[in-house]
């Protein structure tokens, strides 16, 4: 399988440089690393997401659609199948380590290359993940750095983007004890990905959480200048207009960082809660923008149909919530 290299628009020399850079965990901003970061920051969206977004054939929704159909639950299966036909980010958590982590990345990168599309991965294994909430878990600090290096090394030389640790920065304002260690881990992860030529985005919260200046300060502390930019609204419901206005303010305070917005469940706007919000609907179909603004893409980051946790009648976090999936599809934008 030929390796598809990350290339910056109008910068073939930087693309070649990115292909030759070793995917190390060093954090020194060497001239080569600095050039690689510049390529990541300035690349055209049409290069980053060339061919459009990858649809994972064995996604969570696709597996649920098959299982529900086999059980004769035709209505539930139809909703899952509707979701499965669209590009959804692939979550890499501490349930994938070692060989299994490499395997899932290699498999999806190869299938994306066959289709000529671009996969989006989400990392979700940082220590003290979710601050003990419904999605609590994570690796140790030492294992986490090694784990991220495995991801960066495996993606190196292939076209893909990575969203680093949803809620990880926003929760530093509410989760006691994660401060300095959390920022150090995120900064190291950013530099591991940039050294491997992988465009990455950091947690930008959402417009109902922190003020733009406060969020920008957190992003700058986590070295967003070494990343492609940030993402907003992950697993939330806020409309694109509000999120884009918020993100534009953050972008201006972080050196013109690019950003993506999660539109997986915002078709009906904010519903008063973040957790399995009643009355929510799917947002618009995910797509890269291919424009000249700082908005790179509208993505389905949260898997629609996966529960946020045992709230509003939901099962455990991450489990399939069939009736909720049905409602999201029925109330879609």
C-alpha atoms as a PDB file:
ATOM      1  CA  UNK A   1       0.000   0.000   0.000  1.00  0.00           C
ATOM      2  CA  UNK A   2       1.622   3.320  -0.983  1.00  0.00           C
ATOM      3  CA  UNK A   3       1.983   5.739   1.900  1.00  0.00           C
ATOM      4  CA  UNK A   4       0.137   9.009   1.451  1.00  0.00           C
ATOM      5  CA  UNK A   5       2.240  11.774   2.892  1.00  0.00           C
ATOM      6  CA  UNK A   6       0.916  14.883   4.605  1.00  0.00           C
ATOM      7  CA  UNK A   7       1.632  17.807   2.297  1.00  0.00           C
ATOM      8  CA  UNK A   8       1.282  21.525   2.830  1.00  0.00           C
ATOM      9  CA  UNK A   9      -0.248  23.454  -0.050  1.00  0.00           C
ATOM     10  CA  UNK A  10       2.484  24.897  -2.264  1.00  0.00           C
ATOM     11  CA  UNK A  11       5.239  23.461  -0.055  1.00  0.00           C
ATOM     12  CA  UNK A  12       6.532  20.224  -1.532  1.00  0.00           C
ATOM     13  CA  UNK A  13       9.809  20.580   0.293  1.00  0.00           C
ATOM     14  CA  UNK A  14       8.029  20.675   3.629  1.00  0.00           C
ATOM     15  CA  UNK A  15       5.980  17.631   2.672  1.00  0.00           C
ATOM     16  CA  UNK A  16       9.197  15.753   1.949  1.00  0.00           C
ATOM     17  CA  UNK A  17      10.619  16.988   5.223  1.00  0.00           C
ATOM     18  CA  UNK A  18       7.553  15.689   7.046  1.00  0.00           C
ATOM     19  CA  UNK A  19       8.000  12.284   5.444  1.00  0.00           C
ATOM     20  CA  UNK A  20      11.621  12.070   6.547  1.00  0.00           C
ATOM     21  CA  UNK A  21      11.245  13.382  10.084  1.00  0.00           C
ATOM     22  CA  UNK A  22      11.642  10.705  12.742  1.00  0.00           C
ATOM     23  CA  UNK A  23       8.551  10.271  14.913  1.00  0.00           C
ATOM     24  CA  UNK A  24      10.360  10.836  18.183  1.00  0.00           C
ATOM     25  CA  UNK A  25       9.085  12.043  21.515  1.00  0.00           C
ATOM     26  CA  UNK A  26      11.665  14.831  21.752  1.00  0.00           C
ATOM     27  CA  UNK A  27      10.167  18.201  22.482  1.00  0.00           C
ATOM     28  CA  UNK A  28      13.012  20.472  21.344  1.00  0.00           C
ATOM     29  CA  UNK A  29      11.881  22.888  18.630  1.00  0.00           C
ATOM     30  CA  UNK A  30      14.630  22.042  16.141  1.00  0.00           C
ATOM     31  CA  UNK A  31      14.651  23.843  12.782  1.00  0.00           C
ATOM     32  CA  UNK A  32      13.174  20.730  11.134  1.00  0.00           C
ATOM     33  CA  UNK A  33      10.477  20.476  13.785  1.00  0.00           C
ATOM     34  CA  UNK A  34       9.726  24.180  13.451  1.00  0.00           C
ATOM     35  CA  UNK A  35       9.295  23.792   9.696  1.00  0.00           C
ATOM     36  CA  UNK A  36       7.026  20.809  10.235  1.00  0.00           C
ATOM     37  CA  UNK A  37       4.874  22.775  12.672  1.00  0.00           C
ATOM     38  CA  UNK A  38       4.662  25.619  10.162  1.00  0.00           C
ATOM     39  CA  UNK A  39       3.461  23.173   7.511  1.00  0.00           C
ATOM     40  CA  UNK A  40       0.805  21.786   9.845  1.00  0.00           C
ATOM     41  CA  UNK A  41      -0.386  25.242  10.855  1.00  0.00           C
ATOM     42  CA  UNK A  42      -0.571  26.683   7.340  1.00  0.00           C
ATOM     43  CA  UNK A  43      -1.668  23.733   5.190  1.00  0.00           C
ATOM     44  CA  UNK A  44      -4.829  24.261   3.145  1.00  0.00           C
ATOM     45  CA  UNK A  45      -7.882  22.441   4.447  1.00  0.00           C
ATOM     46  CA  UNK A  46      -8.240  20.800   1.038  1.00  0.00           C
ATOM     47  CA  UNK A  47      -4.863  19.137   1.609  1.00  0.00           C
ATOM     48  CA  UNK A  48      -5.572  18.111   5.196  1.00  0.00           C
ATOM     49  CA  UNK A  49      -8.913  16.521   4.343  1.00  0.00           C
ATOM     50  CA  UNK A  50      -8.239  15.564   0.748  1.00  0.00           C
ATOM     51  CA  UNK A  51     -10.957  13.284  -0.595  1.00  0.00           C
ATOM     52  CA  UNK A  52     -13.331  14.071   2.244  1.00  0.00           C
ATOM     53  CA  UNK A  53     -13.906  12.287   5.534  1.00  0.00           C
ATOM     54  CA  UNK A  54     -13.464   8.556   6.029  1.00  0.00           C
ATOM     55  CA  UNK A  55     -16.473   6.365   6.834  1.00  0.00           C
ATOM     56  CA  UNK A  56     -15.418   3.481   9.078  1.00  0.00           C
ATOM     57  CA  UNK A  57     -17.113   0.293   7.792  1.00  0.00           C
ATOM     58  CA  UNK A  58     -17.087  -1.428  11.197  1.00  0.00           C
ATOM     59  CA  UNK A  59     -17.934   1.590  13.320  1.00  0.00           C
ATOM     60  CA  UNK A  60     -19.835   1.364  16.583  1.00  0.00           C
ATOM     61  CA  UNK A  61     -23.041   2.287  14.755  1.00  0.00           C
ATOM     62  CA  UNK A  62     -22.423  -0.230  11.956  1.00  0.00           C
ATOM     63  CA  UNK A  63     -21.921  -3.064  14.441  1.00  0.00           C
ATOM     64  CA  UNK A  64     -25.050  -2.060  16.316  1.00  0.00           C
ATOM     65  CA  UNK A  65     -27.063  -1.899  13.097  1.00  0.00           C
ATOM     66  CA  UNK A  66     -26.088  -5.477  12.258  1.00  0.00           C
ATOM     67  CA  UNK A  67     -26.767  -6.770  15.764  1.00  0.00           C
ATOM     68  CA  UNK A  68     -30.123  -5.033  16.041  1.00  0.00           C
ATOM     69  CA  UNK A  69     -31.219  -6.258  12.612  1.00  0.00           C
ATOM     70  CA  UNK A  70     -30.276  -9.820  13.563  1.00  0.00           C
ATOM     71  CA  UNK A  71     -32.401  -9.445  16.692  1.00  0.00           C
ATOM     72  CA  UNK A  72     -35.385  -8.325  14.625  1.00  0.00           C
ATOM     73  CA  UNK A  73     -35.339  -4.780  16.000  1.00  0.00           C
ATOM     74  CA  UNK A  74     -35.865  -3.153  12.626  1.00  0.00           C
ATOM     75  CA  UNK A  75     -36.604   0.387  13.803  1.00  0.00           C
ATOM     76  CA  UNK A  76     -33.550   0.482  16.065  1.00  0.00           C
ATOM     77  CA  UNK A  77     -31.407  -1.070  13.330  1.00  0.00           C
ATOM     78  CA  UNK A  78     -32.519   1.535  10.790  1.00  0.00           C
ATOM     79  CA  UNK A  79     -31.480   4.415  13.042  1.00  0.00           C
ATOM     80  CA  UNK A  80     -28.080   2.851  13.706  1.00  0.00           C
ATOM     81  CA  UNK A  81     -27.622   2.210   9.973  1.00  0.00           C
ATOM     82  CA  UNK A  82     -28.422   5.850   9.169  1.00  0.00           C
ATOM     83  CA  UNK A  83     -25.660   6.977  11.536  1.00  0.00           C
ATOM     84  CA  UNK A  84     -23.248   4.316  10.257  1.00  0.00           C
ATOM     85  CA  UNK A  85     -23.385   5.669   6.700  1.00  0.00           C
ATOM     86  CA  UNK A  86     -21.751   8.924   7.779  1.00  0.00           C
ATOM     87  CA  UNK A  87     -18.177   9.740   8.853  1.00  0.00           C
ATOM     88  CA  UNK A  88     -17.738   9.542  12.625  1.00  0.00           C
ATOM     89  CA  UNK A  89     -14.462  10.059  14.471  1.00  0.00           C
ATOM     90  CA  UNK A  90     -12.660   6.940  15.704  1.00  0.00           C
ATOM     91  CA  UNK A  91     -12.050   6.997  19.456  1.00  0.00           C
ATOM     92  CA  UNK A  92      -8.792   5.573  20.760  1.00  0.00           C
ATOM     93  CA  UNK A  93      -9.008   5.046  24.514  1.00  0.00           C
ATOM     94  CA  UNK A  94      -7.201   2.941  27.073  1.00  0.00           C
ATOM     95  CA  UNK A  95      -9.221  -0.018  25.775  1.00  0.00           C
ATOM     96  CA  UNK A  96      -6.672  -0.059  22.909  1.00  0.00           C
ATOM     97  CA  UNK A  97      -3.040  -0.553  23.918  1.00  0.00           C
ATOM     98  CA  UNK A  98       0.055  -2.130  22.411  1.00  0.00           C
ATOM     99  CA  UNK A  99      -0.610  -4.320  19.378  1.00  0.00           C
ATOM    100  CA  UNK A 100      -4.362  -3.710  19.438  1.00  0.00           C
ATOM    101  CA  UNK A 101      -3.791   0.055  19.271  1.00  0.00           C
ATOM    102  CA  UNK A 102      -1.466  -0.272  16.295  1.00  0.00           C
ATOM    103  CA  UNK A 103      -3.843  -2.688  14.570  1.00  0.00           C
ATOM    104  CA  UNK A 104      -6.924  -0.476  14.751  1.00  0.00           C
ATOM    105  CA  UNK A 105      -5.009   2.553  13.460  1.00  0.00           C
ATOM    106  CA  UNK A 106      -3.300   0.660  10.643  1.00  0.00           C
ATOM    107  CA  UNK A 107      -6.546  -0.956   9.561  1.00  0.00           C
ATOM    108  CA  UNK A 108      -8.468   2.290   9.306  1.00  0.00           C
ATOM    109  CA  UNK A 109      -5.632   4.255   7.744  1.00  0.00           C
ATOM    110  CA  UNK A 110      -5.288   1.571   5.067  1.00  0.00           C
ATOM    111  CA  UNK A 111      -9.028   1.517   4.353  1.00  0.00           C
ATOM    112  CA  UNK A 112      -9.102   5.311   4.193  1.00  0.00           C
ATOM    113  CA  UNK A 113      -6.240   5.306   1.707  1.00  0.00           C
ATOM    114  CA  UNK A 114      -8.064   2.773  -0.437  1.00  0.00           C
ATOM    115  CA  UNK A 115     -11.104   5.061  -0.429  1.00  0.00           C
ATOM    116  CA  UNK A 116      -9.017   8.216  -0.907  1.00  0.00           C
ATOM    117  CA  UNK A 117     -10.462   9.789   2.254  1.00  0.00           C
ATOM    118  CA  UNK A 118      -9.135  11.142   5.543  1.00  0.00           C
ATOM    119  CA  UNK A 119      -9.727   9.490   8.938  1.00  0.00           C
ATOM    120  CA  UNK A 120     -10.194  11.469  12.155  1.00  0.00           C
ATOM    121  CA  UNK A 121      -9.008   9.899  15.403  1.00  0.00           C
ATOM    122  CA  UNK A 122      -9.774  10.995  18.974  1.00  0.00           C
ATOM    123  CA  UNK A 123      -7.437  10.201  21.882  1.00  0.00           C
ATOM    124  CA  UNK A 124      -9.120   9.501  25.203  1.00  0.00           C
ATOM    125  CA  UNK A 125      -6.785   7.971  27.769  1.00  0.00           C
ATOM    126  CA  UNK A 126      -5.278  10.852  29.725  1.00  0.00           C
ATOM    127  CA  UNK A 127      -4.733  10.258  33.473  1.00  0.00           C
ATOM    128  CA  UNK A 128      -7.755  11.280  35.583  1.00  0.00           C
ATOM    129  CA  UNK A 129      -9.935  11.244  32.492  1.00  0.00           C
ATOM    130  CA  UNK A 130     -13.332  12.921  33.002  1.00  0.00           C
ATOM    131  CA  UNK A 131     -12.300  13.877  36.537  1.00  0.00           C
ATOM    132  CA  UNK A 132     -13.960  10.763  37.971  1.00  0.00           C
ATOM    133  CA  UNK A 133     -17.212  11.273  36.052  1.00  0.00           C
ATOM    134  CA  UNK A 134     -19.191   8.879  33.872  1.00  0.00           C
ATOM    135  CA  UNK A 135     -16.192   8.289  31.567  1.00  0.00           C
ATOM    136  CA  UNK A 136     -13.582   8.028  34.316  1.00  0.00           C
ATOM    137  CA  UNK A 137     -10.390   6.138  33.570  1.00  0.00           C
ATOM    138  CA  UNK A 138      -7.125   6.740  31.779  1.00  0.00           C
ATOM    139  CA  UNK A 139      -3.528   5.561  31.771  1.00  0.00           C
ATOM    140  CA  UNK A 140      -0.671   6.446  34.090  1.00  0.00           C
ATOM    141  CA  UNK A 141       1.389   9.484  33.084  1.00  0.00           C
ATOM    142  CA  UNK A 142       4.316   7.359  31.887  1.00  0.00           C
ATOM    143  CA  UNK A 143       2.128   4.947  29.949  1.00  0.00           C
ATOM    144  CA  UNK A 144       0.198   7.837  28.429  1.00  0.00           C
ATOM    145  CA  UNK A 145       3.261   9.393  26.826  1.00  0.00           C
ATOM    146  CA  UNK A 146       4.322   6.026  25.412  1.00  0.00           C
ATOM    147  CA  UNK A 147       0.772   5.389  24.202  1.00  0.00           C
ATOM    148  CA  UNK A 148       0.638   8.705  22.342  1.00  0.00           C
ATOM    149  CA  UNK A 149       3.996   7.990  20.765  1.00  0.00           C
ATOM    150  CA  UNK A 150       2.640   4.700  19.442  1.00  0.00           C
ATOM    151  CA  UNK A 151      -0.251   6.558  17.823  1.00  0.00           C
ATOM    152  CA  UNK A 152       2.013   9.238  16.342  1.00  0.00           C
ATOM    153  CA  UNK A 153       4.487   6.682  15.001  1.00  0.00           C
ATOM    154  CA  UNK A 154       1.746   4.538  13.467  1.00  0.00           C
ATOM    155  CA  UNK A 155       0.077   7.482  11.700  1.00  0.00           C
ATOM    156  CA  UNK A 156       3.415   9.001  10.601  1.00  0.00           C
ATOM    157  CA  UNK A 157       3.535   9.236   6.812  1.00  0.00           C
ATOM    158  CA  UNK A 158      -0.216   8.823   6.377  1.00  0.00           C
ATOM    159  CA  UNK A 159      -2.980  11.388   6.039  1.00  0.00           C
ATOM    160  CA  UNK A 160      -5.092  11.647   9.206  1.00  0.00           C
ATOM    161  CA  UNK A 161      -5.979  14.165  11.892  1.00  0.00           C
ATOM    162  CA  UNK A 162      -6.156  13.699  15.652  1.00  0.00           C
ATOM    163  CA  UNK A 163      -8.349  15.372  18.270  1.00  0.00           C
ATOM    164  CA  UNK A 164      -6.511  15.243  21.587  1.00  0.00           C
ATOM    165  CA  UNK A 165      -8.480  14.376  24.727  1.00  0.00           C
ATOM    166  CA  UNK A 166     -11.972  15.923  24.857  1.00  0.00           C
ATOM    167  CA  UNK A 167     -12.626  18.004  28.013  1.00  0.00           C
ATOM    168  CA  UNK A 168      -8.969  17.740  29.049  1.00  0.00           C
ATOM    169  CA  UNK A 169      -8.322  21.485  29.149  1.00  0.00           C
ATOM    170  CA  UNK A 170     -11.742  22.679  30.242  1.00  0.00           C
ATOM    171  CA  UNK A 171     -11.672  20.347  33.212  1.00  0.00           C
ATOM    172  CA  UNK A 172      -8.409  21.816  34.505  1.00  0.00           C
ATOM    173  CA  UNK A 173     -10.589  24.624  35.865  1.00  0.00           C
ATOM    174  CA  UNK A 174     -12.758  22.259  37.904  1.00  0.00           C
ATOM    175  CA  UNK A 175     -10.731  19.101  38.529  1.00  0.00           C
ATOM    176  CA  UNK A 176      -8.373  19.588  41.464  1.00  0.00           C
ATOM    177  CA  UNK A 177      -4.909  18.138  41.171  1.00  0.00           C
ATOM    178  CA  UNK A 178      -4.546  17.708  37.404  1.00  0.00           C
ATOM    179  CA  UNK A 179      -3.056  21.141  36.634  1.00  0.00           C
ATOM    180  CA  UNK A 180       0.692  21.063  35.958  1.00  0.00           C
ATOM    181  CA  UNK A 181       0.802  17.381  35.055  1.00  0.00           C
ATOM    182  CA  UNK A 182      -2.142  17.703  32.680  1.00  0.00           C
ATOM    183  CA  UNK A 183      -0.581  20.616  30.792  1.00  0.00           C
ATOM    184  CA  UNK A 184       2.763  18.859  30.564  1.00  0.00           C
ATOM    185  CA  UNK A 185       1.167  15.697  29.167  1.00  0.00           C
ATOM    186  CA  UNK A 186      -0.875  17.605  26.598  1.00  0.00           C
ATOM    187  CA  UNK A 187       2.099  19.701  25.516  1.00  0.00           C
ATOM    188  CA  UNK A 188       4.196  16.573  25.051  1.00  0.00           C
ATOM    189  CA  UNK A 189       1.401  14.911  23.066  1.00  0.00           C
ATOM    190  CA  UNK A 190       1.102  17.949  20.786  1.00  0.00           C
ATOM    191  CA  UNK A 191       4.810  17.882  20.073  1.00  0.00           C
ATOM    192  CA  UNK A 192       4.851  14.128  19.513  1.00  0.00           C
ATOM    193  CA  UNK A 193       2.160  14.493  16.869  1.00  0.00           C
ATOM    194  CA  UNK A 194       3.743  17.522  15.221  1.00  0.00           C
ATOM    195  CA  UNK A 195       7.129  15.782  15.059  1.00  0.00           C
ATOM    196  CA  UNK A 196       5.391  12.916  13.251  1.00  0.00           C
ATOM    197  CA  UNK A 197       3.708  15.314  10.811  1.00  0.00           C
ATOM    198  CA  UNK A 198       0.236  14.656  12.237  1.00  0.00           C
ATOM    199  CA  UNK A 199      -2.163  17.639  12.363  1.00  0.00           C
ATOM    200  CA  UNK A 200      -3.681  17.659  15.856  1.00  0.00           C
ATOM    201  CA  UNK A 201      -6.330  19.729  17.631  1.00  0.00           C
ATOM    202  CA  UNK A 202      -6.603  20.470  21.367  1.00  0.00           C
ATOM    203  CA  UNK A 203      -9.690  20.794  23.554  1.00  0.00           C
ATOM    204  CA  UNK A 204     -11.388  24.163  23.125  1.00  0.00           C
ATOM    205  CA  UNK A 205     -14.412  23.494  25.330  1.00  0.00           C
ATOM    206  CA  UNK A 206     -17.594  25.185  24.115  1.00  0.00           C
ATOM    207  CA  UNK A 207     -19.228  28.583  24.135  1.00  0.00           C
ATOM    208  CA  UNK A 208     -21.310  27.860  27.248  1.00  0.00           C
ATOM    209  CA  UNK A 209     -18.360  26.747  29.385  1.00  0.00           C
ATOM    210  CA  UNK A 210     -15.437  29.198  29.530  1.00  0.00           C
ATOM    211  CA  UNK A 211     -14.943  32.682  28.131  1.00  0.00           C
ATOM    212  CA  UNK A 212     -12.813  32.831  24.978  1.00  0.00           C
ATOM    213  CA  UNK A 213      -9.918  34.547  26.757  1.00  0.00           C
ATOM    214  CA  UNK A 214      -9.858  31.937  29.514  1.00  0.00           C
ATOM    215  CA  UNK A 215      -9.971  29.070  27.012  1.00  0.00           C
ATOM    216  CA  UNK A 216      -7.271  30.656  24.887  1.00  0.00           C
ATOM    217  CA  UNK A 217      -5.001  30.945  27.921  1.00  0.00           C
ATOM    218  CA  UNK A 218      -5.390  27.222  28.592  1.00  0.00           C
ATOM    219  CA  UNK A 219      -4.698  26.377  24.957  1.00  0.00           C
ATOM    220  CA  UNK A 220      -1.595  28.541  24.868  1.00  0.00           C
ATOM    221  CA  UNK A 221      -0.318  26.899  28.032  1.00  0.00           C
ATOM    222  CA  UNK A 222      -0.766  23.493  26.358  1.00  0.00           C
ATOM    223  CA  UNK A 223       1.273  24.652  23.319  1.00  0.00           C
ATOM    224  CA  UNK A 224      -1.514  25.018  20.794  1.00  0.00           C
ATOM    225  CA  UNK A 225       1.024  26.898  18.655  1.00  0.00           C
ATOM    226  CA  UNK A 226       2.616  23.503  17.962  1.00  0.00           C
ATOM    227  CA  UNK A 227      -0.723  22.003  16.812  1.00  0.00           C
ATOM    228  CA  UNK A 228      -3.118  22.628  13.943  1.00  0.00           C
ATOM    229  CA  UNK A 229      -5.496  24.223  16.400  1.00  0.00           C
ATOM    230  CA  UNK A 230      -8.447  23.262  18.599  1.00  0.00           C
ATOM    231  CA  UNK A 231     -11.956  21.800  18.530  1.00  0.00           C
ATOM    232  CA  UNK A 232     -15.195  22.860  20.200  1.00  0.00           C
ATOM    233  CA  UNK A 233     -18.578  21.447  21.227  1.00  0.00           C
ATOM    234  CA  UNK A 234     -17.472  17.808  21.515  1.00  0.00           C
ATOM    235  CA  UNK A 235     -20.351  15.693  22.850  1.00  0.00           C
ATOM    236  CA  UNK A 236     -22.427  18.850  23.214  1.00  0.00           C
ATOM    237  CA  UNK A 237     -25.420  20.424  21.494  1.00  0.00           C
ATOM    238  CA  UNK A 238     -24.659  24.067  20.820  1.00  0.00           C
ATOM    239  CA  UNK A 239     -25.454  25.487  17.392  1.00  0.00           C
ATOM    240  CA  UNK A 240     -22.768  26.234  14.809  1.00  0.00           C
ATOM    241  CA  UNK A 241     -23.366  29.990  14.786  1.00  0.00           C
ATOM    242  CA  UNK A 242     -22.595  30.362  18.489  1.00  0.00           C
ATOM    243  CA  UNK A 243     -19.676  27.941  18.388  1.00  0.00           C
ATOM    244  CA  UNK A 244     -18.097  29.574  15.389  1.00  0.00           C
ATOM    245  CA  UNK A 245     -18.277  33.051  16.934  1.00  0.00           C
ATOM    246  CA  UNK A 246     -16.679  31.650  20.093  1.00  0.00           C
ATOM    247  CA  UNK A 247     -13.981  29.786  18.156  1.00  0.00           C
ATOM    248  CA  UNK A 248     -13.094  32.825  16.077  1.00  0.00           C
ATOM    249  CA  UNK A 249     -12.348  34.765  19.244  1.00  0.00           C
ATOM    250  CA  UNK A 250     -10.144  31.967  20.545  1.00  0.00           C
ATOM    251  CA  UNK A 251      -8.385  31.702  17.186  1.00  0.00           C
ATOM    252  CA  UNK A 252      -7.478  35.384  17.306  1.00  0.00           C
ATOM    253  CA  UNK A 253      -5.963  34.857  20.778  1.00  0.00           C
ATOM    254  CA  UNK A 254      -3.948  31.779  19.789  1.00  0.00           C
ATOM    255  CA  UNK A 255      -2.033  32.960  16.751  1.00  0.00           C
ATOM    256  CA  UNK A 256      -4.732  32.250  14.195  1.00  0.00           C
ATOM    257  CA  UNK A 257      -5.271  28.605  15.146  1.00  0.00           C
ATOM    258  CA  UNK A 258      -7.592  26.573  12.959  1.00  0.00           C
ATOM    259  CA  UNK A 259     -10.541  24.736  14.512  1.00  0.00           C
ATOM    260  CA  UNK A 260     -13.228  22.108  13.972  1.00  0.00           C
ATOM    261  CA  UNK A 261     -16.701  21.920  15.519  1.00  0.00           C
ATOM    262  CA  UNK A 262     -18.603  18.815  16.640  1.00  0.00           C
ATOM    263  CA  UNK A 263     -22.074  18.895  15.076  1.00  0.00           C
ATOM    264  CA  UNK A 264     -23.047  15.301  15.872  1.00  0.00           C
ATOM    265  CA  UNK A 265     -26.001  16.237  18.107  1.00  0.00           C
ATOM    266  CA  UNK A 266     -26.594  19.960  17.712  1.00  0.00           C
ATOM    267  CA  UNK A 267     -29.403  19.862  15.157  1.00  0.00           C
ATOM    268  CA  UNK A 268     -31.895  21.229  17.706  1.00  0.00           C
ATOM    269  CA  UNK A 269     -29.478  23.461  19.600  1.00  0.00           C
ATOM    270  CA  UNK A 270     -28.746  23.578  23.314  1.00  0.00           C
ATOM    271  CA  UNK A 271     -31.209  21.539  25.372  1.00  0.00           C
ATOM    272  CA  UNK A 272     -30.304  22.549  28.900  1.00  0.00           C
ATOM    273  CA  UNK A 273     -28.001  19.635  29.734  1.00  0.00           C
ATOM    274  CA  UNK A 274     -24.919  17.974  28.277  1.00  0.00           C
ATOM    275  CA  UNK A 275     -25.902  14.427  29.276  1.00  0.00           C
ATOM    276  CA  UNK A 276     -28.209  12.476  26.924  1.00  0.00           C
ATOM    277  CA  UNK A 277     -30.160  15.668  26.396  1.00  0.00           C
ATOM    278  CA  UNK A 278     -33.834  14.994  25.608  1.00  0.00           C
ATOM    279  CA  UNK A 279     -35.095  16.492  22.359  1.00  0.00           C
ATOM    280  CA  UNK A 280     -31.701  16.597  20.650  1.00  0.00           C
ATOM    281  CA  UNK A 281     -31.245  15.812  16.961  1.00  0.00           C
ATOM    282  CA  UNK A 282     -28.381  15.013  14.642  1.00  0.00           C
ATOM    283  CA  UNK A 283     -26.627  18.047  13.247  1.00  0.00           C
ATOM    284  CA  UNK A 284     -25.744  18.549   9.621  1.00  0.00           C
ATOM    285  CA  UNK A 285     -23.782  15.810   7.888  1.00  0.00           C
ATOM    286  CA  UNK A 286     -20.063  15.998   8.722  1.00  0.00           C
ATOM    287  CA  UNK A 287     -17.781  17.534   6.109  1.00  0.00           C
ATOM    288  CA  UNK A 288     -14.569  19.459   5.596  1.00  0.00           C
ATOM    289  CA  UNK A 289     -15.103  23.087   4.664  1.00  0.00           C
ATOM    290  CA  UNK A 290     -12.398  23.492   1.980  1.00  0.00           C
ATOM    291  CA  UNK A 291     -12.669  27.250   2.376  1.00  0.00           C
ATOM    292  CA  UNK A 292     -10.125  29.887   3.332  1.00  0.00           C
ATOM    293  CA  UNK A 293     -11.367  30.540   6.881  1.00  0.00           C
ATOM    294  CA  UNK A 294     -10.002  29.083  10.117  1.00  0.00           C
ATOM    295  CA  UNK A 295     -12.898  26.599  10.279  1.00  0.00           C
ATOM    296  CA  UNK A 296     -11.505  23.326   8.903  1.00  0.00           C
ATOM    297  CA  UNK A 297     -14.471  20.996   9.298  1.00  0.00           C
ATOM    298  CA  UNK A 298     -17.824  20.252  10.884  1.00  0.00           C
ATOM    299  CA  UNK A 299     -17.414  16.770  12.345  1.00  0.00           C
ATOM    300  CA  UNK A 300     -19.345  14.075  14.108  1.00  0.00           C
ATOM    301  CA  UNK A 301     -16.878  13.592  16.953  1.00  0.00           C
ATOM    302  CA  UNK A 302     -19.219  12.108  19.526  1.00  0.00           C
ATOM    303  CA  UNK A 303     -20.693   8.866  18.190  1.00  0.00           C
ATOM    304  CA  UNK A 304     -24.433   9.616  17.925  1.00  0.00           C
ATOM    305  CA  UNK A 305     -26.280   6.882  19.795  1.00  0.00           C
ATOM    306  CA  UNK A 306     -23.531   6.196  22.326  1.00  0.00           C
ATOM    307  CA  UNK A 307     -24.668   7.082  25.830  1.00  0.00           C
ATOM    308  CA  UNK A 308     -23.123   9.893  27.849  1.00  0.00           C
ATOM    309  CA  UNK A 309     -23.741   7.930  31.043  1.00  0.00           C
ATOM    310  CA  UNK A 310     -26.503   6.853  33.390  1.00  0.00           C
ATOM    311  CA  UNK A 311     -28.493  10.067  33.067  1.00  0.00           C
ATOM    312  CA  UNK A 312     -31.858  10.757  31.450  1.00  0.00           C
ATOM    313  CA  UNK A 313     -32.506   7.041  31.172  1.00  0.00           C
ATOM    314  CA  UNK A 314     -29.200   6.163  29.532  1.00  0.00           C
ATOM    315  CA  UNK A 315     -26.999   3.084  30.017  1.00  0.00           C
ATOM    316  CA  UNK A 316     -23.332   3.318  31.053  1.00  0.00           C
ATOM    317  CA  UNK A 317     -21.129   5.820  29.202  1.00  0.00           C
ATOM    318  CA  UNK A 318     -20.199   4.516  25.775  1.00  0.00           C
ATOM    319  CA  UNK A 319     -22.933   1.859  25.637  1.00  0.00           C
ATOM    320  CA  UNK A 320     -25.418   1.999  22.750  1.00  0.00           C
ATOM    321  CA  UNK A 321     -28.615   3.841  23.662  1.00  0.00           C
ATOM    322  CA  UNK A 322     -30.999   2.626  20.952  1.00  0.00           C
ATOM    323  CA  UNK A 323     -34.017   4.754  21.816  1.00  0.00           C
ATOM    324  CA  UNK A 324     -31.819   7.846  21.950  1.00  0.00           C
ATOM    325  CA  UNK A 325     -30.293   7.021  18.574  1.00  0.00           C
ATOM    326  CA  UNK A 326     -33.815   6.722  17.164  1.00  0.00           C
ATOM    327  CA  UNK A 327     -34.706  10.147  18.538  1.00  0.00           C
ATOM    328  CA  UNK A 328     -31.523  11.763  17.210  1.00  0.00           C
ATOM    329  CA  UNK A 329     -32.288  10.489  13.721  1.00  0.00           C
ATOM    330  CA  UNK A 330     -35.983  11.424  13.894  1.00  0.00           C
ATOM    331  CA  UNK A 331     -35.129  14.976  15.048  1.00  0.00           C
ATOM    332  CA  UNK A 332     -32.138  15.455  12.734  1.00  0.00           C
ATOM    333  CA  UNK A 333     -31.398  18.833  11.226  1.00  0.00           C
END
